[in-house]
Amino acid sequence: MKPIALLLLTTALWMSGLSASEETAARAAGPHLKLAMVTTDKYSRNEKTVFSSDFPRIFAVYQIADAAQGTKLKAVWFAEKVEGLEAKTKLNEGESTFSAKGEYMGAFSCPRPPKGWSAGTYLVELSLDGAVRKTLAFRVEKQ
């Protein structure tokens, strides 16, 4: 690299407040969750952690940033400590594959079981490209 070009690049990085290593780290960060919560519907941004046993469907809302084409986001729903079920019983799962680079918002959902939600604690594991990145917890209480 010519000395003038190197000087201009160094000056630009210094003025931006980023070092060359920070800029490389920012680019290497890749897809990440900016928002993840359990809530009452796919459009809600109000987190809810306690539900009644007759609630029809529970949603895990997410916002993912810096997704590359082909990035996969998966949600797996578990009954963690629930009356009548073995610990960590899988209830449901869903997956989204993003078709283009960018930022996305969306939701996964788990429908009420036929006999209603049993009282106890539940988890939703959100995985990006096969690695669990966030675990969301919620509770169901008897009415």
N, C-alpha and C. Protein backbone atom coordinates (compact mmCIF):
# COMPACT_ATOMS: atom_id res chain seq x y z
N MET A 1 0.86 -1.17 0.00
CA MET A 1 0.00 0.00 0.00
C MET A 1 0.90 1.23 0.00
N LYS A 2 0.55 2.20 -0.79
CA LYS A 2 1.35 3.41 -0.86
C LYS A 2 1.22 4.19 0.44
N PRO A 3 2.27 4.91 0.85
CA PRO A 3 2.25 5.65 2.10
C PRO A 3 1.09 6.64 2.20
N ILE A 4 0.74 7.32 1.12
CA ILE A 4 -0.35 8.30 1.16
C ILE A 4 -1.67 7.59 1.42
N ALA A 5 -1.92 6.47 0.74
CA ALA A 5 -3.15 5.72 0.94
C ALA A 5 -3.24 5.20 2.37
N LEU A 6 -2.12 4.71 2.90
CA LEU A 6 -2.09 4.23 4.28
C LEU A 6 -2.38 5.35 5.25
N LEU A 7 -1.82 6.52 5.01
CA LEU A 7 -2.07 7.68 5.87
C LEU A 7 -3.54 8.07 5.82
N LEU A 8 -4.15 8.10 4.64
CA LEU A 8 -5.56 8.44 4.50
C LEU A 8 -6.45 7.42 5.21
N LEU A 9 -6.14 6.14 5.08
CA LEU A 9 -6.93 5.10 5.74
C LEU A 9 -6.82 5.22 7.26
N THR A 10 -5.61 5.42 7.75
CA THR A 10 -5.40 5.57 9.19
C THR A 10 -6.15 6.78 9.71
N THR A 11 -6.09 7.89 8.99
CA THR A 11 -6.79 9.11 9.40
C THR A 11 -8.30 8.88 9.40
N ALA A 12 -8.82 8.22 8.38
CA ALA A 12 -10.26 7.95 8.31
C ALA A 12 -10.71 7.08 9.47
N LEU A 13 -9.94 6.04 9.79
CA LEU A 13 -10.29 5.18 10.92
C LEU A 13 -10.20 5.94 12.23
N TRP A 14 -9.17 6.75 12.40
CA TRP A 14 -9.00 7.52 13.62
C TRP A 14 -10.16 8.50 13.80
N MET A 15 -10.57 9.15 12.72
CA MET A 15 -11.66 10.12 12.81
C MET A 15 -12.99 9.43 13.07
N SER A 16 -13.14 8.20 12.61
CA SER A 16 -14.41 7.49 12.84
C SER A 16 -14.49 6.94 14.26
N GLY A 17 -13.35 6.92 14.95
CA GLY A 17 -13.33 6.41 16.31
C GLY A 17 -13.14 4.91 16.37
N LEU A 18 -12.90 4.25 15.23
CA LEU A 18 -12.68 2.81 15.19
C LEU A 18 -11.24 2.50 14.88
N SER A 19 -10.69 1.54 15.55
CA SER A 19 -9.37 1.05 15.17
C SER A 19 -9.57 0.01 14.08
N ALA A 20 -8.52 -0.36 13.40
CA ALA A 20 -8.63 -1.37 12.35
C ALA A 20 -9.11 -2.69 12.94
N SER A 21 -8.67 -3.05 14.14
CA SER A 21 -9.10 -4.31 14.75
C SER A 21 -10.57 -4.25 15.15
N GLU A 22 -11.05 -3.08 15.62
CA GLU A 22 -12.46 -2.95 15.97
C GLU A 22 -13.33 -3.03 14.72
N GLU A 23 -12.88 -2.44 13.64
CA GLU A 23 -13.66 -2.49 12.41
C GLU A 23 -13.76 -3.93 11.91
N THR A 24 -12.65 -4.67 11.98
CA THR A 24 -12.66 -6.07 11.57
C THR A 24 -13.59 -6.88 12.47
N ALA A 25 -13.55 -6.64 13.79
CA ALA A 25 -14.41 -7.35 14.73
C ALA A 25 -15.88 -7.05 14.45
N ALA A 26 -16.19 -5.79 14.13
CA ALA A 26 -17.58 -5.42 13.85
C ALA A 26 -18.09 -6.16 12.62
N ARG A 27 -17.25 -6.28 11.60
CA ARG A 27 -17.65 -6.99 10.38
C ARG A 27 -17.78 -8.48 10.64
N ALA A 28 -16.92 -9.03 11.51
CA ALA A 28 -16.91 -10.46 11.78
C ALA A 28 -18.01 -10.90 12.74
N ALA A 29 -18.72 -9.95 13.35
CA ALA A 29 -19.72 -10.29 14.35
C ALA A 29 -20.81 -11.20 13.78
N GLY A 30 -21.21 -10.97 12.56
CA GLY A 30 -22.20 -11.80 11.92
C GLY A 30 -23.60 -11.64 12.49
N PRO A 31 -24.49 -12.57 12.16
CA PRO A 31 -25.87 -12.45 12.59
C PRO A 31 -25.99 -12.52 14.11
N HIS A 32 -26.87 -11.70 14.65
CA HIS A 32 -27.11 -11.71 16.10
C HIS A 32 -28.53 -11.24 16.39
N LEU A 33 -29.02 -11.66 17.54
CA LEU A 33 -30.37 -11.28 17.97
C LEU A 33 -30.33 -9.92 18.65
N LYS A 34 -31.08 -8.98 18.13
CA LYS A 34 -31.20 -7.65 18.75
C LYS A 34 -32.36 -7.65 19.75
N LEU A 35 -33.33 -8.53 19.53
CA LEU A 35 -34.52 -8.61 20.37
C LEU A 35 -34.99 -10.05 20.39
N ALA A 36 -35.38 -10.51 21.56
CA ALA A 36 -35.99 -11.84 21.68
C ALA A 36 -36.82 -11.83 22.95
N MET A 37 -38.10 -12.16 22.83
CA MET A 37 -38.99 -12.17 24.00
C MET A 37 -40.18 -13.08 23.76
N VAL A 38 -40.78 -13.51 24.86
CA VAL A 38 -42.02 -14.28 24.81
C VAL A 38 -43.15 -13.29 25.04
N THR A 39 -44.22 -13.45 24.27
CA THR A 39 -45.31 -12.49 24.35
C THR A 39 -46.63 -13.10 23.89
N THR A 40 -47.66 -12.28 23.82
CA THR A 40 -49.02 -12.74 23.56
C THR A 40 -49.42 -12.85 22.09
N ASP A 41 -48.76 -12.12 21.20
CA ASP A 41 -49.06 -12.24 19.78
C ASP A 41 -47.84 -11.85 18.96
N LYS A 42 -47.88 -12.19 17.68
CA LYS A 42 -46.68 -12.00 16.85
C LYS A 42 -46.34 -10.55 16.57
N TYR A 43 -47.24 -9.63 16.86
CA TYR A 43 -46.97 -8.21 16.64
C TYR A 43 -46.60 -7.46 17.91
N SER A 44 -46.74 -8.10 19.04
CA SER A 44 -46.50 -7.44 20.33
C SER A 44 -45.01 -7.24 20.60
N ARG A 45 -44.69 -6.16 21.25
CA ARG A 45 -43.32 -5.91 21.71
C ARG A 45 -43.32 -5.74 23.24
N ASN A 46 -44.40 -6.27 23.87
CA ASN A 46 -44.52 -6.24 25.33
C ASN A 46 -44.26 -7.64 25.85
N GLU A 47 -43.12 -7.80 26.49
CA GLU A 47 -42.74 -9.11 27.01
C GLU A 47 -43.73 -9.57 28.08
N LYS A 48 -44.03 -10.86 28.05
CA LYS A 48 -44.91 -11.46 29.04
C LYS A 48 -44.27 -12.78 29.48
N THR A 49 -44.23 -13.01 30.76
CA THR A 49 -43.56 -14.22 31.25
C THR A 49 -44.49 -15.15 32.02
N VAL A 50 -45.74 -14.74 32.25
CA VAL A 50 -46.70 -15.59 32.95
C VAL A 50 -47.98 -15.67 32.10
N PHE A 51 -48.44 -16.92 31.88
CA PHE A 51 -49.63 -17.15 31.07
C PHE A 51 -50.59 -18.05 31.84
N SER A 52 -51.87 -18.01 31.45
CA SER A 52 -52.86 -18.90 32.04
C SER A 52 -52.89 -20.21 31.24
N SER A 53 -53.43 -21.25 31.84
CA SER A 53 -53.43 -22.57 31.22
C SER A 53 -54.30 -22.66 29.97
N ASP A 54 -55.22 -21.70 29.78
CA ASP A 54 -56.09 -21.73 28.61
C ASP A 54 -55.63 -20.79 27.49
N PHE A 55 -54.44 -20.18 27.66
CA PHE A 55 -53.96 -19.24 26.63
C PHE A 55 -53.79 -20.00 25.31
N PRO A 56 -54.35 -19.49 24.19
CA PRO A 56 -54.39 -20.26 22.94
C PRO A 56 -53.05 -20.49 22.24
N ARG A 57 -52.15 -19.52 22.27
CA ARG A 57 -50.89 -19.65 21.53
C ARG A 57 -49.89 -18.66 22.15
N ILE A 58 -48.67 -19.13 22.35
CA ILE A 58 -47.62 -18.29 22.92
C ILE A 58 -46.59 -18.02 21.84
N PHE A 59 -46.09 -16.79 21.78
CA PHE A 59 -45.18 -16.36 20.72
C PHE A 59 -43.79 -16.02 21.25
N ALA A 60 -42.80 -16.34 20.47
CA ALA A 60 -41.43 -15.89 20.71
C ALA A 60 -41.11 -14.94 19.56
N VAL A 61 -41.05 -13.65 19.87
CA VAL A 61 -40.80 -12.62 18.86
C VAL A 61 -39.31 -12.34 18.82
N TYR A 62 -38.77 -12.14 17.63
CA TYR A 62 -37.33 -11.89 17.49
C TYR A 62 -37.05 -10.76 16.50
N GLN A 63 -35.88 -10.19 16.64
CA GLN A 63 -35.32 -9.28 15.64
C GLN A 63 -33.88 -9.72 15.48
N ILE A 64 -33.49 -10.03 14.26
CA ILE A 64 -32.14 -10.48 13.96
C ILE A 64 -31.46 -9.44 13.08
N ALA A 65 -30.21 -9.16 13.37
CA ALA A 65 -29.45 -8.18 12.59
C ALA A 65 -28.25 -8.87 11.94
N ASP A 66 -27.80 -8.28 10.87
CA ASP A 66 -26.62 -8.75 10.13
C ASP A 66 -26.75 -10.19 9.65
N ALA A 67 -27.96 -10.58 9.29
CA ALA A 67 -28.18 -11.92 8.75
C ALA A 67 -27.59 -11.98 7.34
N ALA A 68 -26.92 -13.06 7.06
CA ALA A 68 -26.42 -13.30 5.70
C ALA A 68 -27.45 -14.16 4.98
N GLN A 69 -27.37 -14.19 3.67
CA GLN A 69 -28.25 -15.06 2.91
C GLN A 69 -28.02 -16.49 3.39
N GLY A 70 -29.09 -17.20 3.71
CA GLY A 70 -28.99 -18.59 4.17
C GLY A 70 -28.88 -18.76 5.67
N THR A 71 -28.82 -17.66 6.44
CA THR A 71 -28.78 -17.76 7.90
C THR A 71 -30.04 -18.46 8.37
N LYS A 72 -29.88 -19.40 9.31
CA LYS A 72 -31.02 -20.15 9.85
C LYS A 72 -31.24 -19.77 11.31
N LEU A 73 -32.48 -19.48 11.65
CA LEU A 73 -32.89 -19.21 13.02
C LEU A 73 -33.91 -20.28 13.39
N LYS A 74 -33.65 -20.97 14.50
CA LYS A 74 -34.53 -22.07 14.92
C LYS A 74 -35.02 -21.82 16.33
N ALA A 75 -36.27 -22.16 16.59
CA ALA A 75 -36.86 -22.08 17.93
C ALA A 75 -37.31 -23.48 18.33
N VAL A 76 -36.89 -23.90 19.52
CA VAL A 76 -37.32 -25.18 20.08
C VAL A 76 -37.97 -24.89 21.42
N TRP A 77 -39.20 -25.35 21.58
CA TRP A 77 -40.01 -25.11 22.78
C TRP A 77 -39.93 -26.34 23.67
N PHE A 78 -39.65 -26.12 24.97
CA PHE A 78 -39.53 -27.21 25.94
C PHE A 78 -40.40 -26.96 27.16
N ALA A 79 -40.92 -28.05 27.72
CA ALA A 79 -41.53 -28.01 29.05
C ALA A 79 -40.37 -28.30 29.99
N GLU A 80 -39.96 -27.30 30.77
CA GLU A 80 -38.80 -27.48 31.64
C GLU A 80 -39.17 -28.22 32.92
N LYS A 81 -40.03 -27.64 33.71
CA LYS A 81 -40.53 -28.27 34.94
C LYS A 81 -42.04 -28.10 34.93
N VAL A 82 -42.71 -29.13 34.41
CA VAL A 82 -44.15 -29.06 34.21
C VAL A 82 -44.81 -30.30 34.79
N GLU A 83 -45.93 -30.10 35.48
CA GLU A 83 -46.69 -31.20 36.06
C GLU A 83 -47.02 -32.25 35.00
N GLY A 84 -46.70 -33.50 35.30
CA GLY A 84 -47.07 -34.60 34.41
C GLY A 84 -46.16 -34.81 33.21
N LEU A 85 -45.09 -34.03 33.06
CA LEU A 85 -44.17 -34.22 31.93
C LEU A 85 -42.74 -34.40 32.44
N GLU A 86 -41.99 -35.18 31.70
CA GLU A 86 -40.57 -35.36 32.02
C GLU A 86 -39.83 -34.04 31.77
N ALA A 87 -38.81 -33.76 32.56
CA ALA A 87 -38.03 -32.52 32.41
C ALA A 87 -37.49 -32.41 30.98
N LYS A 88 -37.55 -31.19 30.47
CA LYS A 88 -37.02 -30.84 29.14
C LYS A 88 -37.71 -31.63 28.00
N THR A 89 -39.02 -31.80 28.13
CA THR A 89 -39.81 -32.44 27.07
C THR A 89 -40.00 -31.45 25.92
N LYS A 90 -39.63 -31.87 24.71
CA LYS A 90 -39.80 -30.99 23.54
C LYS A 90 -41.26 -30.93 23.15
N LEU A 91 -41.76 -29.69 22.98
CA LEU A 91 -43.17 -29.48 22.63
C LEU A 91 -43.37 -29.13 21.16
N ASN A 92 -42.44 -28.34 20.62
CA ASN A 92 -42.64 -27.80 19.28
C ASN A 92 -41.31 -27.25 18.78
N GLU A 93 -41.19 -27.07 17.48
CA GLU A 93 -40.02 -26.38 16.92
C GLU A 93 -40.37 -25.77 15.59
N GLY A 94 -39.63 -24.75 15.23
CA GLY A 94 -39.82 -24.08 13.96
C GLY A 94 -38.49 -23.50 13.51
N GLU A 95 -38.37 -23.25 12.20
CA GLU A 95 -37.12 -22.72 11.68
C GLU A 95 -37.41 -21.75 10.54
N SER A 96 -36.61 -20.70 10.47
CA SER A 96 -36.67 -19.74 9.36
C SER A 96 -35.29 -19.66 8.73
N THR A 97 -35.26 -19.61 7.41
CA THR A 97 -34.02 -19.40 6.67
C THR A 97 -34.18 -18.08 5.92
N PHE A 98 -33.24 -17.18 6.12
CA PHE A 98 -33.35 -15.85 5.52
C PHE A 98 -32.78 -15.87 4.11
N SER A 99 -33.56 -15.32 3.18
CA SER A 99 -33.23 -15.40 1.76
C SER A 99 -32.27 -14.32 1.28
N ALA A 100 -32.06 -13.31 2.08
CA ALA A 100 -31.18 -12.22 1.67
C ALA A 100 -30.48 -11.65 2.90
N LYS A 101 -29.43 -10.93 2.65
CA LYS A 101 -28.68 -10.27 3.71
C LYS A 101 -29.54 -9.15 4.30
N GLY A 102 -29.47 -8.95 5.63
CA GLY A 102 -30.21 -7.84 6.21
C GLY A 102 -30.67 -8.05 7.63
N GLU A 103 -31.69 -7.29 7.99
CA GLU A 103 -32.28 -7.33 9.33
C GLU A 103 -33.73 -7.80 9.19
N TYR A 104 -34.14 -8.69 10.10
CA TYR A 104 -35.47 -9.27 10.03
C TYR A 104 -36.15 -9.26 11.39
N MET A 105 -37.46 -9.14 11.37
CA MET A 105 -38.29 -9.32 12.56
C MET A 105 -39.29 -10.42 12.24
N GLY A 106 -39.62 -11.19 13.25
CA GLY A 106 -40.58 -12.26 13.03
C GLY A 106 -40.96 -12.90 14.35
N ALA A 107 -41.65 -14.03 14.25
CA ALA A 107 -42.09 -14.72 15.45
C ALA A 107 -42.25 -16.21 15.18
N PHE A 108 -42.00 -16.99 16.21
CA PHE A 108 -42.32 -18.41 16.23
C PHE A 108 -43.45 -18.55 17.25
N SER A 109 -44.25 -19.61 17.11
CA SER A 109 -45.32 -19.79 18.09
C SER A 109 -45.47 -21.25 18.46
N CYS A 110 -46.09 -21.44 19.61
CA CYS A 110 -46.40 -22.78 20.11
C CYS A 110 -47.88 -22.77 20.50
N PRO A 111 -48.68 -23.65 19.90
CA PRO A 111 -50.10 -23.68 20.23
C PRO A 111 -50.36 -24.36 21.57
N ARG A 112 -51.48 -24.03 22.16
CA ARG A 112 -51.90 -24.66 23.41
C ARG A 112 -52.08 -26.16 23.17
N PRO A 113 -51.54 -26.99 24.05
CA PRO A 113 -51.77 -28.43 23.92
C PRO A 113 -53.27 -28.75 24.03
N PRO A 114 -53.72 -29.88 23.50
CA PRO A 114 -55.15 -30.22 23.51
C PRO A 114 -55.80 -30.14 24.90
N LYS A 115 -55.08 -30.49 25.95
CA LYS A 115 -55.65 -30.45 27.30
C LYS A 115 -55.31 -29.15 28.03
N GLY A 116 -54.78 -28.19 27.31
CA GLY A 116 -54.38 -26.92 27.93
C GLY A 116 -52.94 -26.97 28.39
N TRP A 117 -52.41 -25.80 28.70
CA TRP A 117 -51.05 -25.72 29.21
C TRP A 117 -51.05 -26.23 30.65
N SER A 118 -50.14 -27.12 30.96
CA SER A 118 -49.97 -27.59 32.35
C SER A 118 -49.17 -26.55 33.11
N ALA A 119 -49.44 -26.42 34.40
CA ALA A 119 -48.72 -25.46 35.23
C ALA A 119 -47.24 -25.84 35.29
N GLY A 120 -46.39 -24.84 35.26
CA GLY A 120 -44.95 -25.07 35.36
C GLY A 120 -44.15 -24.07 34.56
N THR A 121 -42.87 -24.38 34.36
CA THR A 121 -41.97 -23.48 33.63
C THR A 121 -41.62 -24.09 32.27
N TYR A 122 -41.49 -23.20 31.31
CA TYR A 122 -41.23 -23.57 29.92
C TYR A 122 -40.05 -22.76 29.40
N LEU A 123 -39.39 -23.28 28.35
CA LEU A 123 -38.26 -22.60 27.72
C LEU A 123 -38.43 -22.58 26.21
N VAL A 124 -37.87 -21.55 25.59
CA VAL A 124 -37.74 -21.49 24.14
C VAL A 124 -36.27 -21.22 23.86
N GLU A 125 -35.62 -22.14 23.15
CA GLU A 125 -34.22 -21.95 22.78
C GLU A 125 -34.17 -21.43 21.35
N LEU A 126 -33.50 -20.29 21.17
CA LEU A 126 -33.32 -19.72 19.83
C LEU A 126 -31.88 -19.97 19.40
N SER A 127 -31.74 -20.63 18.25
CA SER A 127 -30.42 -20.98 17.72
C SER A 127 -30.18 -20.29 16.39
N LEU A 128 -28.99 -19.76 16.22
CA LEU A 128 -28.56 -19.19 14.95
C LEU A 128 -27.54 -20.13 14.34
N ASP A 129 -27.84 -20.63 13.16
CA ASP A 129 -26.96 -21.55 12.44
C ASP A 129 -26.46 -22.67 13.34
N GLY A 130 -27.38 -23.23 14.14
CA GLY A 130 -27.08 -24.40 14.94
C GLY A 130 -26.54 -24.15 16.34
N ALA A 131 -26.25 -22.91 16.70
CA ALA A 131 -25.72 -22.59 18.04
C ALA A 131 -26.77 -21.84 18.84
N VAL A 132 -27.10 -22.34 20.05
CA VAL A 132 -28.09 -21.68 20.90
C VAL A 132 -27.54 -20.31 21.29
N ARG A 133 -28.30 -19.27 20.98
CA ARG A 133 -27.88 -17.90 21.27
C ARG A 133 -28.70 -17.25 22.38
N LYS A 134 -29.93 -17.75 22.59
CA LYS A 134 -30.80 -17.12 23.60
C LYS A 134 -31.79 -18.17 24.08
N THR A 135 -32.01 -18.18 25.40
CA THR A 135 -33.02 -19.04 25.99
C THR A 135 -34.03 -18.14 26.69
N LEU A 136 -35.28 -18.27 26.30
CA LEU A 136 -36.38 -17.48 26.87
C LEU A 136 -37.18 -18.37 27.81
N ALA A 137 -37.57 -17.84 28.94
CA ALA A 137 -38.34 -18.62 29.90
C ALA A 137 -39.70 -17.98 30.14
N PHE A 138 -40.71 -18.82 30.38
CA PHE A 138 -42.02 -18.33 30.78
C PHE A 138 -42.67 -19.35 31.69
N ARG A 139 -43.71 -18.94 32.34
CA ARG A 139 -44.38 -19.79 33.33
C ARG A 139 -45.88 -19.83 33.02
N VAL A 140 -46.47 -20.98 33.28
CA VAL A 140 -47.92 -21.12 33.17
C VAL A 140 -48.43 -21.41 34.58
N GLU A 141 -49.47 -20.67 34.97
CA GLU A 141 -50.07 -20.84 36.29
C GLU A 141 -51.49 -21.34 36.16
N LYS A 142 -51.90 -22.14 37.13
CA LYS A 142 -53.29 -22.62 37.16
C LYS A 142 -54.21 -21.45 37.40
N GLN A 143 -55.39 -21.53 36.86
CA GLN A 143 -56.36 -20.45 37.04
C GLN A 143 -57.14 -20.64 38.30
